[in-house]
Amino acid sequence: METLVAATKNGAIILGKEELGTIEEGKLADLQVIAGDPLKTFDVLGQPEIVMIGGKIHRFKN
C-alpha cells in the first residue's frame, strides 16, 4: 500500500499537483480499473479492465 500511495498521492504532492493523485469528488479522473489485488501482485497493473483519462473512458476490455 505504501508503494501505491508513494506513486500516486505523494508523487502528486512532490510535483506540486495536489489536485491529482487521489480519487475524490471534483478531481480529474485519470485512473485505471483492474481485476485483481495490486497489494498481492503488481502484475495486475499492466492489465487494466478500464482506462479513464479526464473523466472519459478511453479503453474498455471486453
PDB file of N, CA and C in Angstrom:
ATOM      1  N   MET A   1       0.826  -1.182   0.000  1.00  0.00           N
ATOM      2  CA  MET A   1       0.000   0.000   0.000  1.00  0.00           C
ATOM      3  C   MET A   1       0.878   1.256   0.000  1.00  0.00           C
ATOM      4  N   GLU A   2       1.962   1.225   0.760  1.00  0.00           N
ATOM      5  CA  GLU A   2       2.856   2.387   0.816  1.00  0.00           C
ATOM      6  C   GLU A   2       3.439   2.709  -0.560  1.00  0.00           C
ATOM      7  N   THR A   3       3.742   1.692  -1.334  1.00  0.00           N
ATOM      8  CA  THR A   3       4.296   1.901  -2.676  1.00  0.00           C
ATOM      9  C   THR A   3       3.271   2.571  -3.577  1.00  0.00           C
ATOM     10  N   LEU A   4       2.025   2.138  -3.524  1.00  0.00           N
ATOM     11  CA  LEU A   4       0.972   2.736  -4.355  1.00  0.00           C
ATOM     12  C   LEU A   4       0.711   4.193  -3.958  1.00  0.00           C
ATOM     13  N   VAL A   5       0.693   4.464  -2.667  1.00  0.00           N
ATOM     14  CA  VAL A   5       0.492   5.843  -2.193  1.00  0.00           C
ATOM     15  C   VAL A   5       1.674   6.717  -2.610  1.00  0.00           C
ATOM     16  N   ALA A   6       2.880   6.175  -2.513  1.00  0.00           N
ATOM     17  CA  ALA A   6       4.071   6.938  -2.911  1.00  0.00           C
ATOM     18  C   ALA A   6       4.027   7.279  -4.395  1.00  0.00           C
ATOM     19  N   ALA A   7       3.518   6.365  -5.207  1.00  0.00           N
ATOM     20  CA  ALA A   7       3.481   6.578  -6.658  1.00  0.00           C
ATOM     21  C   ALA A   7       2.322   7.468  -7.099  1.00  0.00           C
ATOM     22  N   THR A   8       1.322   7.634  -6.259  1.00  0.00           N
ATOM     23  CA  THR A   8       0.141   8.409  -6.653  1.00  0.00           C
ATOM     24  C   THR A   8       0.025   9.692  -5.823  1.00  0.00           C
ATOM     25  N   LYS A   9      -0.485   9.578  -4.643  1.00  0.00           N
ATOM     26  CA  LYS A   9      -0.716  10.757  -3.796  1.00  0.00           C
ATOM     27  C   LYS A   9       0.575  11.520  -3.488  1.00  0.00           C
ATOM     28  N   ASN A  10       1.576  10.825  -2.990  1.00  0.00           N
ATOM     29  CA  ASN A  10       2.823  11.500  -2.621  1.00  0.00           C
ATOM     30  C   ASN A  10       3.546  12.045  -3.847  1.00  0.00           C
ATOM     31  N   GLY A  11       3.479  11.302  -4.950  1.00  0.00           N
ATOM     32  CA  GLY A  11       4.083  11.783  -6.195  1.00  0.00           C
ATOM     33  C   GLY A  11       3.463  13.087  -6.652  1.00  0.00           C
ATOM     34  N   ALA A  12       2.141  13.189  -6.542  1.00  0.00           N
ATOM     35  CA  ALA A  12       1.448  14.420  -6.918  1.00  0.00           C
ATOM     36  C   ALA A  12       1.842  15.579  -6.004  1.00  0.00           C
ATOM     37  N   ILE A  13       1.956  15.301  -4.718  1.00  0.00           N
ATOM     38  CA  ILE A  13       2.351  16.340  -3.756  1.00  0.00           C
ATOM     39  C   ILE A  13       3.760  16.851  -4.065  1.00  0.00           C
ATOM     40  N   ILE A  14       4.683  15.937  -4.323  1.00  0.00           N
ATOM     41  CA  ILE A  14       6.063  16.324  -4.630  1.00  0.00           C
ATOM     42  C   ILE A  14       6.126  17.204  -5.869  1.00  0.00           C
ATOM     43  N   LEU A  15       5.274  16.902  -6.857  1.00  0.00           N
ATOM     44  CA  LEU A  15       5.245  17.679  -8.098  1.00  0.00           C
ATOM     45  C   LEU A  15       4.427  18.966  -7.978  1.00  0.00           C
ATOM     46  N   GLY A  16       3.860  19.213  -6.790  1.00  0.00           N
ATOM     47  CA  GLY A  16       3.041  20.406  -6.594  1.00  0.00           C
ATOM     48  C   GLY A  16       1.704  20.312  -7.297  1.00  0.00           C
ATOM     49  N   LYS A  17       1.212  19.094  -7.484  1.00  0.00           N
ATOM     50  CA  LYS A  17      -0.055  18.841  -8.181  1.00  0.00           C
ATOM     51  C   LYS A  17      -1.037  18.159  -7.234  1.00  0.00           C
ATOM     52  N   GLU A  18      -1.335  18.804  -6.123  1.00  0.00           N
ATOM     53  CA  GLU A  18      -2.208  18.211  -5.112  1.00  0.00           C
ATOM     54  C   GLU A  18      -3.599  17.904  -5.631  1.00  0.00           C
ATOM     55  N   GLU A  19      -3.977  18.526  -6.774  1.00  0.00           N
ATOM     56  CA  GLU A  19      -5.287  18.257  -7.361  1.00  0.00           C
ATOM     57  C   GLU A  19      -5.328  16.876  -8.033  1.00  0.00           C
ATOM     58  N   LEU A  20      -4.187  16.213  -8.089  1.00  0.00           N
ATOM     59  CA  LEU A  20      -4.079  14.877  -8.669  1.00  0.00           C
ATOM     60  C   LEU A  20      -3.674  13.879  -7.583  1.00  0.00           C
ATOM     61  N   GLY A  21      -3.606  12.617  -7.926  1.00  0.00           N
ATOM     62  CA  GLY A  21      -3.019  11.625  -7.039  1.00  0.00           C
ATOM     63  C   GLY A  21      -3.976  10.860  -6.151  1.00  0.00           C
ATOM     64  N   THR A  22      -5.203  11.331  -6.010  1.00  0.00           N
ATOM     65  CA  THR A  22      -6.197  10.615  -5.213  1.00  0.00           C
ATOM     66  C   THR A  22      -7.542  10.670  -5.938  1.00  0.00           C
ATOM     67  N   ILE A  23      -8.438   9.774  -5.549  1.00  0.00           N
ATOM     68  CA  ILE A  23      -9.782   9.753  -6.119  1.00  0.00           C
ATOM     69  C   ILE A  23     -10.708  10.474  -5.150  1.00  0.00           C
ATOM     70  N   GLU A  24     -11.163  11.658  -5.556  1.00  0.00           N
ATOM     71  CA  GLU A  24     -12.055  12.463  -4.731  1.00  0.00           C
ATOM     72  C   GLU A  24     -12.993  13.246  -5.630  1.00  0.00           C
ATOM     73  N   GLU A  25     -14.135  13.593  -5.111  1.00  0.00           N
ATOM     74  CA  GLU A  25     -15.096  14.388  -5.859  1.00  0.00           C
ATOM     75  C   GLU A  25     -14.464  15.714  -6.280  1.00  0.00           C
ATOM     76  N   GLY A  26     -14.673  16.060  -7.547  1.00  0.00           N
ATOM     77  CA  GLY A  26     -14.171  17.314  -8.072  1.00  0.00           C
ATOM     78  C   GLY A  26     -12.787  17.230  -8.694  1.00  0.00           C
ATOM     79  N   LYS A  27     -12.112  16.099  -8.542  1.00  0.00           N
ATOM     80  CA  LYS A  27     -10.786  15.937  -9.139  1.00  0.00           C
ATOM     81  C   LYS A  27     -10.906  15.318 -10.524  1.00  0.00           C
ATOM     82  N   LEU A  28      -9.873  15.522 -11.360  1.00  0.00           N
ATOM     83  CA  LEU A  28      -9.825  14.891 -12.667  1.00  0.00           C
ATOM     84  C   LEU A  28      -9.746  13.374 -12.496  1.00  0.00           C
ATOM     85  N   ALA A  29     -10.442  12.662 -13.368  1.00  0.00           N
ATOM     86  CA  ALA A  29     -10.448  11.200 -13.264  1.00  0.00           C
ATOM     87  C   ALA A  29      -9.505  10.593 -14.295  1.00  0.00           C
ATOM     88  N   ASP A  30      -8.253  10.458 -13.914  1.00  0.00           N
ATOM     89  CA  ASP A  30      -7.270   9.713 -14.696  1.00  0.00           C
ATOM     90  C   ASP A  30      -6.954   8.472 -13.870  1.00  0.00           C
ATOM     91  N   LEU A  31      -7.498   7.342 -14.293  1.00  0.00           N
ATOM     92  CA  LEU A  31      -7.319   6.142 -13.496  1.00  0.00           C
ATOM     93  C   LEU A  31      -7.487   4.901 -14.339  1.00  0.00           C
ATOM     94  N   GLN A  32      -7.118   3.785 -13.751  1.00  0.00           N
ATOM     95  CA  GLN A  32      -7.377   2.509 -14.391  1.00  0.00           C
ATOM     96  C   GLN A  32      -8.080   1.601 -13.398  1.00  0.00           C
ATOM     97  N   VAL A  33      -9.010   0.819 -13.920  1.00  0.00           N
ATOM     98  CA  VAL A  33      -9.732  -0.159 -13.116  1.00  0.00           C
ATOM     99  C   VAL A  33      -9.119  -1.515 -13.426  1.00  0.00           C
ATOM    100  N   ILE A  34      -8.736  -2.219 -12.384  1.00  0.00           N
ATOM    101  CA  ILE A  34      -8.074  -3.505 -12.581  1.00  0.00           C
ATOM    102  C   ILE A  34      -8.883  -4.619 -11.919  1.00  0.00           C
ATOM    103  N   ALA A  35      -8.731  -5.819 -12.441  1.00  0.00           N
ATOM    104  CA  ALA A  35      -9.345  -7.002 -11.842  1.00  0.00           C
ATOM    105  C   ALA A  35      -8.240  -7.742 -11.102  1.00  0.00           C
ATOM    106  N   GLY A  36      -8.129  -7.483  -9.843  1.00  0.00           N
ATOM    107  CA  GLY A  36      -7.078  -8.121  -9.055  1.00  0.00           C
ATOM    108  C   GLY A  36      -6.660  -7.222  -7.916  1.00  0.00           C
ATOM    109  N   ASP A  37      -5.771  -7.718  -7.124  1.00  0.00           N
ATOM    110  CA  ASP A  37      -5.320  -7.007  -5.937  1.00  0.00           C
ATOM    111  C   ASP A  37      -3.861  -6.584  -6.105  1.00  0.00           C
ATOM    112  N   PRO A  38      -3.611  -5.295  -6.350  1.00  0.00           N
ATOM    113  CA  PRO A  38      -2.230  -4.849  -6.521  1.00  0.00           C
ATOM    114  C   PRO A  38      -1.408  -4.944  -5.237  1.00  0.00           C
ATOM    115  N   LEU A  39      -2.061  -5.182  -4.119  1.00  0.00           N
ATOM    116  CA  LEU A  39      -1.314  -5.374  -2.872  1.00  0.00           C
ATOM    117  C   LEU A  39      -0.705  -6.770  -2.814  1.00  0.00           C
ATOM    118  N   LYS A  40      -1.214  -7.684  -3.655  1.00  0.00           N
ATOM    119  CA  LYS A  40      -0.664  -9.044  -3.718  1.00  0.00           C
ATOM    120  C   LYS A  40       0.347  -9.184  -4.846  1.00  0.00           C
ATOM    121  N   THR A  41       0.073  -8.531  -5.998  1.00  0.00           N
ATOM    122  CA  THR A  41       0.995  -8.576  -7.126  1.00  0.00           C
ATOM    123  C   THR A  41       0.803  -7.347  -8.001  1.00  0.00           C
ATOM    124  N   PHE A  42       1.903  -6.718  -8.397  1.00  0.00           N
ATOM    125  CA  PHE A  42       1.826  -5.549  -9.266  1.00  0.00           C
ATOM    126  C   PHE A  42       1.520  -5.937 -10.713  1.00  0.00           C
ATOM    127  N   ASP A  43       1.577  -7.221 -11.030  1.00  0.00           N
ATOM    128  CA  ASP A  43       1.316  -7.671 -12.398  1.00  0.00           C
ATOM    129  C   ASP A  43      -0.056  -7.228 -12.903  1.00  0.00           C
ATOM    130  N   VAL A  44      -1.042  -7.142 -12.012  1.00  0.00           N
ATOM    131  CA  VAL A  44      -2.396  -6.766 -12.429  1.00  0.00           C
ATOM    132  C   VAL A  44      -2.461  -5.321 -12.941  1.00  0.00           C
ATOM    133  N   LEU A  45      -1.489  -4.495 -12.571  1.00  0.00           N
ATOM    134  CA  LEU A  45      -1.499  -3.095 -13.005  1.00  0.00           C
ATOM    135  C   LEU A  45      -1.277  -2.966 -14.509  1.00  0.00           C
ATOM    136  N   GLY A  46      -0.647  -3.946 -15.115  1.00  0.00           N
ATOM    137  CA  GLY A  46      -0.396  -3.915 -16.547  1.00  0.00           C
ATOM    138  C   GLY A  46      -1.531  -4.483 -17.375  1.00  0.00           C
ATOM    139  N   GLN A  47      -2.635  -4.857 -16.717  1.00  0.00           N
ATOM    140  CA  GLN A  47      -3.774  -5.457 -17.404  1.00  0.00           C
ATOM    141  C   GLN A  47      -5.064  -4.770 -17.000  1.00  0.00           C
ATOM    142  N   PRO A  48      -5.214  -3.480 -17.306  1.00  0.00           N
ATOM    143  CA  PRO A  48      -6.407  -2.753 -16.864  1.00  0.00           C
ATOM    144  C   PRO A  48      -7.677  -3.217 -17.581  1.00  0.00           C
ATOM    145  N   GLU A  49      -8.769  -3.239 -16.858  1.00  0.00           N
ATOM    146  CA  GLU A  49     -10.083  -3.530 -17.426  1.00  0.00           C
ATOM    147  C   GLU A  49     -10.650  -2.274 -18.096  1.00  0.00           C
ATOM    148  N   ILE A  50     -10.423  -1.125 -17.458  1.00  0.00           N
ATOM    149  CA  ILE A  50     -10.908   0.164 -17.963  1.00  0.00           C
ATOM    150  C   ILE A  50      -9.809   1.192 -17.756  1.00  0.00           C
ATOM    151  N   VAL A  51      -9.603   2.067 -18.737  1.00  0.00           N
ATOM    152  CA  VAL A  51      -8.693   3.196 -18.606  1.00  0.00           C
ATOM    153  C   VAL A  51      -9.516   4.463 -18.791  1.00  0.00           C
ATOM    154  N   MET A  52      -9.450   5.359 -17.808  1.00  0.00           N
ATOM    155  CA  MET A  52     -10.196   6.615 -17.853  1.00  0.00           C
ATOM    156  C   MET A  52      -9.201   7.770 -17.802  1.00  0.00           C
ATOM    157  N   ILE A  53      -9.339   8.700 -18.739  1.00  0.00           N
ATOM    158  CA  ILE A  53      -8.484   9.890 -18.789  1.00  0.00           C
ATOM    159  C   ILE A  53      -9.380  11.111 -18.871  1.00  0.00           C
ATOM    160  N   GLY A  54      -9.196  12.027 -17.946  1.00  0.00           N
ATOM    161  CA  GLY A  54     -10.009  13.233 -17.926  1.00  0.00           C
ATOM    162  C   GLY A  54     -11.487  12.952 -17.740  1.00  0.00           C
ATOM    163  N   GLY A  55     -11.801  11.861 -17.046  1.00  0.00           N
ATOM    164  CA  GLY A  55     -13.186  11.511 -16.782  1.00  0.00           C
ATOM    165  C   GLY A  55     -13.880  10.780 -17.921  1.00  0.00           C
ATOM    166  N   LYS A  56     -13.148  10.479 -18.993  1.00  0.00           N
ATOM    167  CA  LYS A  56     -13.734   9.784 -20.140  1.00  0.00           C
ATOM    168  C   LYS A  56     -13.049   8.437 -20.335  1.00  0.00           C
ATOM    169  N   ILE A  57     -13.861   7.423 -20.614  1.00  0.00           N
ATOM    170  CA  ILE A  57     -13.313   6.091 -20.835  1.00  0.00           C
ATOM    171  C   ILE A  57     -12.624   6.054 -22.191  1.00  0.00           C
ATOM    172  N   HIS A  58     -11.357   5.635 -22.175  1.00  0.00           N
ATOM    173  CA  HIS A  58     -10.576   5.543 -23.409  1.00  0.00           C
ATOM    174  C   HIS A  58     -10.310   4.111 -23.829  1.00  0.00           C
ATOM    175  N   ARG A  59     -10.453   3.199 -22.894  1.00  0.00           N
ATOM    176  CA  ARG A  59     -10.254   1.791 -23.215  1.00  0.00           C
ATOM    177  C   ARG A  59     -11.106   0.953 -22.287  1.00  0.00           C
ATOM    178  N   PHE A  60     -11.813   0.003 -22.861  1.00  0.00           N
ATOM    179  CA  PHE A  60     -12.654  -0.885 -22.077  1.00  0.00           C
ATOM    180  C   PHE A  60     -12.406  -2.294 -22.573  1.00  0.00           C
ATOM    181  N   LYS A  61     -11.947  -3.157 -21.693  1.00  0.00           N
ATOM    182  CA  LYS A  61     -11.627  -4.533 -22.050  1.00  0.00           C
ATOM    183  C   LYS A  61     -12.917  -5.357 -22.028  1.00  0.00           C
ATOM    184  N   ASN A  62     -13.213  -6.017 -23.125  1.00  0.00           N
ATOM    185  CA  ASN A  62     -14.408  -6.875 -23.186  1.00  0.00           C
ATOM    186  C   ASN A  62     -14.085  -8.272 -22.756  1.00  0.00           C
TER     187      ASN A  62
END
